[in-house]
Amino acid sequence: MVELLVHVPRGIILPESVLLSDWFAVLASFVAINTVLYLVLALVKMLPVIRVKSTRGRERRSETRNIDPEASA
């Protein structure tokens, strides 16, 4: 077996000309805004639900909705 030792710079995926272009800056900005948006949505989803208290207290039906209308609530 012959190993080919080729010098490949590690960590450089794109050339510097691409990284400094305008379209890449727009794409990077879109990805950054999208990431922050989804982070905020995930954090909001983890928070407990805030319920506004009704002024009438707990709303109850005036009639039972049971299958058997004669049954007590």
N, C-alpha and C. Protein backbone atom coordinates (compact mmCIF):
# COMPACT_ATOMS: atom_id res chain seq x y z
N MET A 1 0.83 -1.19 0.00
CA MET A 1 0.00 0.00 0.00
C MET A 1 0.86 1.24 0.00
N VAL A 2 0.50 2.12 -0.83
CA VAL A 2 1.25 3.36 -0.94
C VAL A 2 0.34 4.48 -0.44
N GLU A 3 0.83 5.22 0.54
CA GLU A 3 0.06 6.36 1.05
C GLU A 3 0.47 7.61 0.31
N LEU A 4 -0.51 8.31 -0.15
CA LEU A 4 -0.23 9.57 -0.82
C LEU A 4 -0.37 10.69 0.20
N LEU A 5 0.69 11.37 0.45
CA LEU A 5 0.66 12.48 1.38
C LEU A 5 0.49 13.76 0.58
N VAL A 6 -0.70 14.24 0.57
CA VAL A 6 -1.01 15.45 -0.17
C VAL A 6 -1.32 16.53 0.85
N HIS A 7 -0.73 17.68 0.67
CA HIS A 7 -0.97 18.78 1.58
C HIS A 7 -2.32 19.44 1.24
N VAL A 8 -3.30 19.19 2.10
CA VAL A 8 -4.62 19.79 1.92
C VAL A 8 -4.87 20.69 3.13
N PRO A 9 -5.10 21.96 2.91
CA PRO A 9 -5.37 22.84 4.05
C PRO A 9 -6.68 22.43 4.71
N ARG A 10 -6.61 22.23 5.99
CA ARG A 10 -7.81 21.79 6.73
C ARG A 10 -8.57 23.00 7.25
N GLY A 11 -9.90 22.94 7.20
CA GLY A 11 -10.73 24.01 7.71
C GLY A 11 -11.09 25.06 6.68
N ILE A 12 -10.52 24.98 5.51
CA ILE A 12 -10.85 25.95 4.47
C ILE A 12 -11.69 25.23 3.43
N ILE A 13 -12.97 25.55 3.40
CA ILE A 13 -13.88 24.89 2.47
C ILE A 13 -14.05 25.73 1.21
N LEU A 14 -14.19 27.03 1.40
CA LEU A 14 -14.42 27.93 0.27
C LEU A 14 -13.26 28.91 0.17
N PRO A 15 -12.97 29.35 -1.04
CA PRO A 15 -11.91 30.36 -1.17
C PRO A 15 -12.33 31.70 -0.58
N GLU A 16 -11.35 32.51 -0.29
CA GLU A 16 -11.60 33.80 0.34
C GLU A 16 -12.45 34.72 -0.54
N SER A 17 -12.34 34.58 -1.83
CA SER A 17 -13.13 35.44 -2.74
C SER A 17 -14.63 35.17 -2.58
N VAL A 18 -14.98 33.92 -2.32
CA VAL A 18 -16.40 33.59 -2.11
C VAL A 18 -16.87 34.12 -0.76
N LEU A 19 -16.03 33.96 0.26
CA LEU A 19 -16.41 34.39 1.60
C LEU A 19 -16.58 35.90 1.72
N LEU A 20 -15.92 36.65 0.87
CA LEU A 20 -16.00 38.11 0.92
C LEU A 20 -16.99 38.68 -0.10
N SER A 21 -17.71 37.84 -0.81
CA SER A 21 -18.65 38.33 -1.82
C SER A 21 -19.95 38.81 -1.16
N ASP A 22 -20.69 39.64 -1.90
CA ASP A 22 -21.93 40.21 -1.37
C ASP A 22 -23.02 39.16 -1.18
N TRP A 23 -23.16 38.24 -2.13
CA TRP A 23 -24.22 37.25 -2.01
C TRP A 23 -23.98 36.32 -0.83
N PHE A 24 -22.73 36.06 -0.50
CA PHE A 24 -22.43 35.20 0.65
C PHE A 24 -22.77 35.93 1.95
N ALA A 25 -22.53 37.24 1.99
CA ALA A 25 -22.89 38.04 3.17
C ALA A 25 -24.40 38.06 3.37
N VAL A 26 -25.16 38.16 2.28
CA VAL A 26 -26.62 38.14 2.37
C VAL A 26 -27.10 36.77 2.87
N LEU A 27 -26.51 35.72 2.33
CA LEU A 27 -26.87 34.36 2.76
C LEU A 27 -26.53 34.14 4.23
N ALA A 28 -25.36 34.59 4.67
CA ALA A 28 -24.96 34.45 6.07
C ALA A 28 -25.89 35.24 6.99
N SER A 29 -26.32 36.42 6.55
CA SER A 29 -27.25 37.22 7.35
C SER A 29 -28.60 36.54 7.47
N PHE A 30 -29.09 35.97 6.37
CA PHE A 30 -30.36 35.24 6.40
C PHE A 30 -30.30 34.06 7.35
N VAL A 31 -29.22 33.32 7.31
CA VAL A 31 -29.06 32.16 8.20
C VAL A 31 -29.00 32.60 9.65
N ALA A 32 -28.31 33.71 9.92
CA ALA A 32 -28.21 34.21 11.29
C ALA A 32 -29.57 34.66 11.83
N ILE A 33 -30.32 35.39 11.02
CA ILE A 33 -31.66 35.85 11.44
C ILE A 33 -32.59 34.66 11.63
N ASN A 34 -32.53 33.69 10.73
CA ASN A 34 -33.35 32.50 10.84
C ASN A 34 -33.03 31.71 12.10
N THR A 35 -31.76 31.60 12.44
CA THR A 35 -31.36 30.88 13.64
C THR A 35 -31.87 31.57 14.89
N VAL A 36 -31.74 32.88 14.94
CA VAL A 36 -32.23 33.63 16.11
C VAL A 36 -33.75 33.51 16.22
N LEU A 37 -34.45 33.56 15.10
CA LEU A 37 -35.90 33.43 15.11
C LEU A 37 -36.33 32.08 15.69
N TYR A 38 -35.73 31.00 15.22
CA TYR A 38 -36.10 29.68 15.72
C TYR A 38 -35.68 29.49 17.17
N LEU A 39 -34.60 30.12 17.60
CA LEU A 39 -34.20 30.06 19.00
C LEU A 39 -35.26 30.73 19.88
N VAL A 40 -35.73 31.90 19.46
CA VAL A 40 -36.76 32.62 20.21
C VAL A 40 -38.05 31.81 20.25
N LEU A 41 -38.44 31.22 19.13
CA LEU A 41 -39.66 30.41 19.10
C LEU A 41 -39.55 29.20 20.01
N ALA A 42 -38.39 28.56 20.05
CA ALA A 42 -38.19 27.41 20.92
C ALA A 42 -38.25 27.82 22.39
N LEU A 43 -37.66 28.96 22.72
CA LEU A 43 -37.71 29.42 24.11
C LEU A 43 -39.12 29.80 24.53
N VAL A 44 -39.87 30.45 23.65
CA VAL A 44 -41.25 30.82 23.96
C VAL A 44 -42.10 29.57 24.16
N LYS A 45 -41.83 28.54 23.37
CA LYS A 45 -42.62 27.31 23.48
C LYS A 45 -42.35 26.60 24.80
N MET A 46 -41.17 26.79 25.39
CA MET A 46 -40.84 26.14 26.66
C MET A 46 -41.45 26.86 27.85
N LEU A 47 -41.82 28.12 27.69
CA LEU A 47 -42.40 28.88 28.79
C LEU A 47 -43.82 28.40 29.09
N PRO A 48 -44.24 28.50 30.36
CA PRO A 48 -45.62 28.09 30.67
C PRO A 48 -46.63 29.04 30.05
N VAL A 49 -47.82 28.53 29.81
CA VAL A 49 -48.89 29.32 29.19
C VAL A 49 -49.42 30.31 30.21
N ILE A 50 -49.52 31.56 29.81
CA ILE A 50 -50.08 32.60 30.67
C ILE A 50 -51.55 32.76 30.30
N ARG A 51 -52.40 32.51 31.24
CA ARG A 51 -53.84 32.60 30.99
C ARG A 51 -54.39 33.87 31.65
N VAL A 52 -55.19 34.60 30.91
CA VAL A 52 -55.80 35.81 31.43
C VAL A 52 -57.03 35.40 32.23
N LYS A 53 -57.10 35.88 33.46
CA LYS A 53 -58.22 35.53 34.32
C LYS A 53 -59.49 36.23 33.87
N SER A 54 -60.56 35.49 33.79
CA SER A 54 -61.84 36.06 33.39
C SER A 54 -62.44 36.82 34.56
N THR A 55 -63.18 37.88 34.28
CA THR A 55 -63.80 38.66 35.35
C THR A 55 -64.98 37.93 35.95
N ARG A 56 -65.58 36.98 35.21
CA ARG A 56 -66.73 36.24 35.72
C ARG A 56 -66.32 34.98 36.46
N GLY A 57 -65.05 34.78 36.64
CA GLY A 57 -64.61 33.56 37.30
C GLY A 57 -64.61 32.42 36.29
N ARG A 58 -64.70 31.23 36.80
CA ARG A 58 -64.72 30.07 35.91
C ARG A 58 -66.08 29.98 35.22
N GLU A 59 -66.04 29.90 33.91
CA GLU A 59 -67.29 29.84 33.16
C GLU A 59 -67.83 28.41 33.22
N ARG A 60 -69.08 28.29 33.60
CA ARG A 60 -69.74 26.99 33.66
C ARG A 60 -71.02 27.04 32.84
N ARG A 61 -71.40 25.92 32.34
CA ARG A 61 -72.64 25.86 31.56
C ARG A 61 -73.84 25.87 32.51
N SER A 62 -74.90 26.48 32.04
CA SER A 62 -76.10 26.52 32.87
C SER A 62 -76.85 25.19 32.81
N GLU A 63 -76.61 24.41 31.76
CA GLU A 63 -77.25 23.10 31.64
C GLU A 63 -76.18 22.04 31.49
N THR A 64 -76.52 20.83 31.92
CA THR A 64 -75.58 19.73 31.78
C THR A 64 -75.54 19.27 30.33
N ARG A 65 -74.38 18.80 29.91
CA ARG A 65 -74.24 18.30 28.54
C ARG A 65 -73.99 16.79 28.57
N ASN A 66 -74.43 16.16 29.63
CA ASN A 66 -74.26 14.74 29.81
C ASN A 66 -75.17 13.98 28.85
N ILE A 67 -74.83 12.72 28.57
CA ILE A 67 -75.70 11.88 27.73
C ILE A 67 -77.05 11.68 28.42
N ASP A 68 -76.98 11.51 29.74
CA ASP A 68 -78.21 11.35 30.53
C ASP A 68 -78.54 12.72 31.13
N PRO A 69 -79.52 13.45 30.57
CA PRO A 69 -79.81 14.80 31.05
C PRO A 69 -80.29 14.86 32.49
N GLU A 70 -80.77 13.74 33.04
CA GLU A 70 -81.26 13.73 34.41
C GLU A 70 -80.14 13.54 35.42
N ALA A 71 -78.95 13.19 34.96
CA ALA A 71 -77.83 12.95 35.88
C ALA A 71 -77.35 14.28 36.45
N SER A 72 -76.85 14.21 37.67
CA SER A 72 -76.36 15.45 38.29
C SER A 72 -74.94 15.73 37.79
N ALA A 73 -74.63 17.00 37.77
CA ALA A 73 -73.29 17.40 37.29
C ALA A 73 -72.34 17.10 38.36
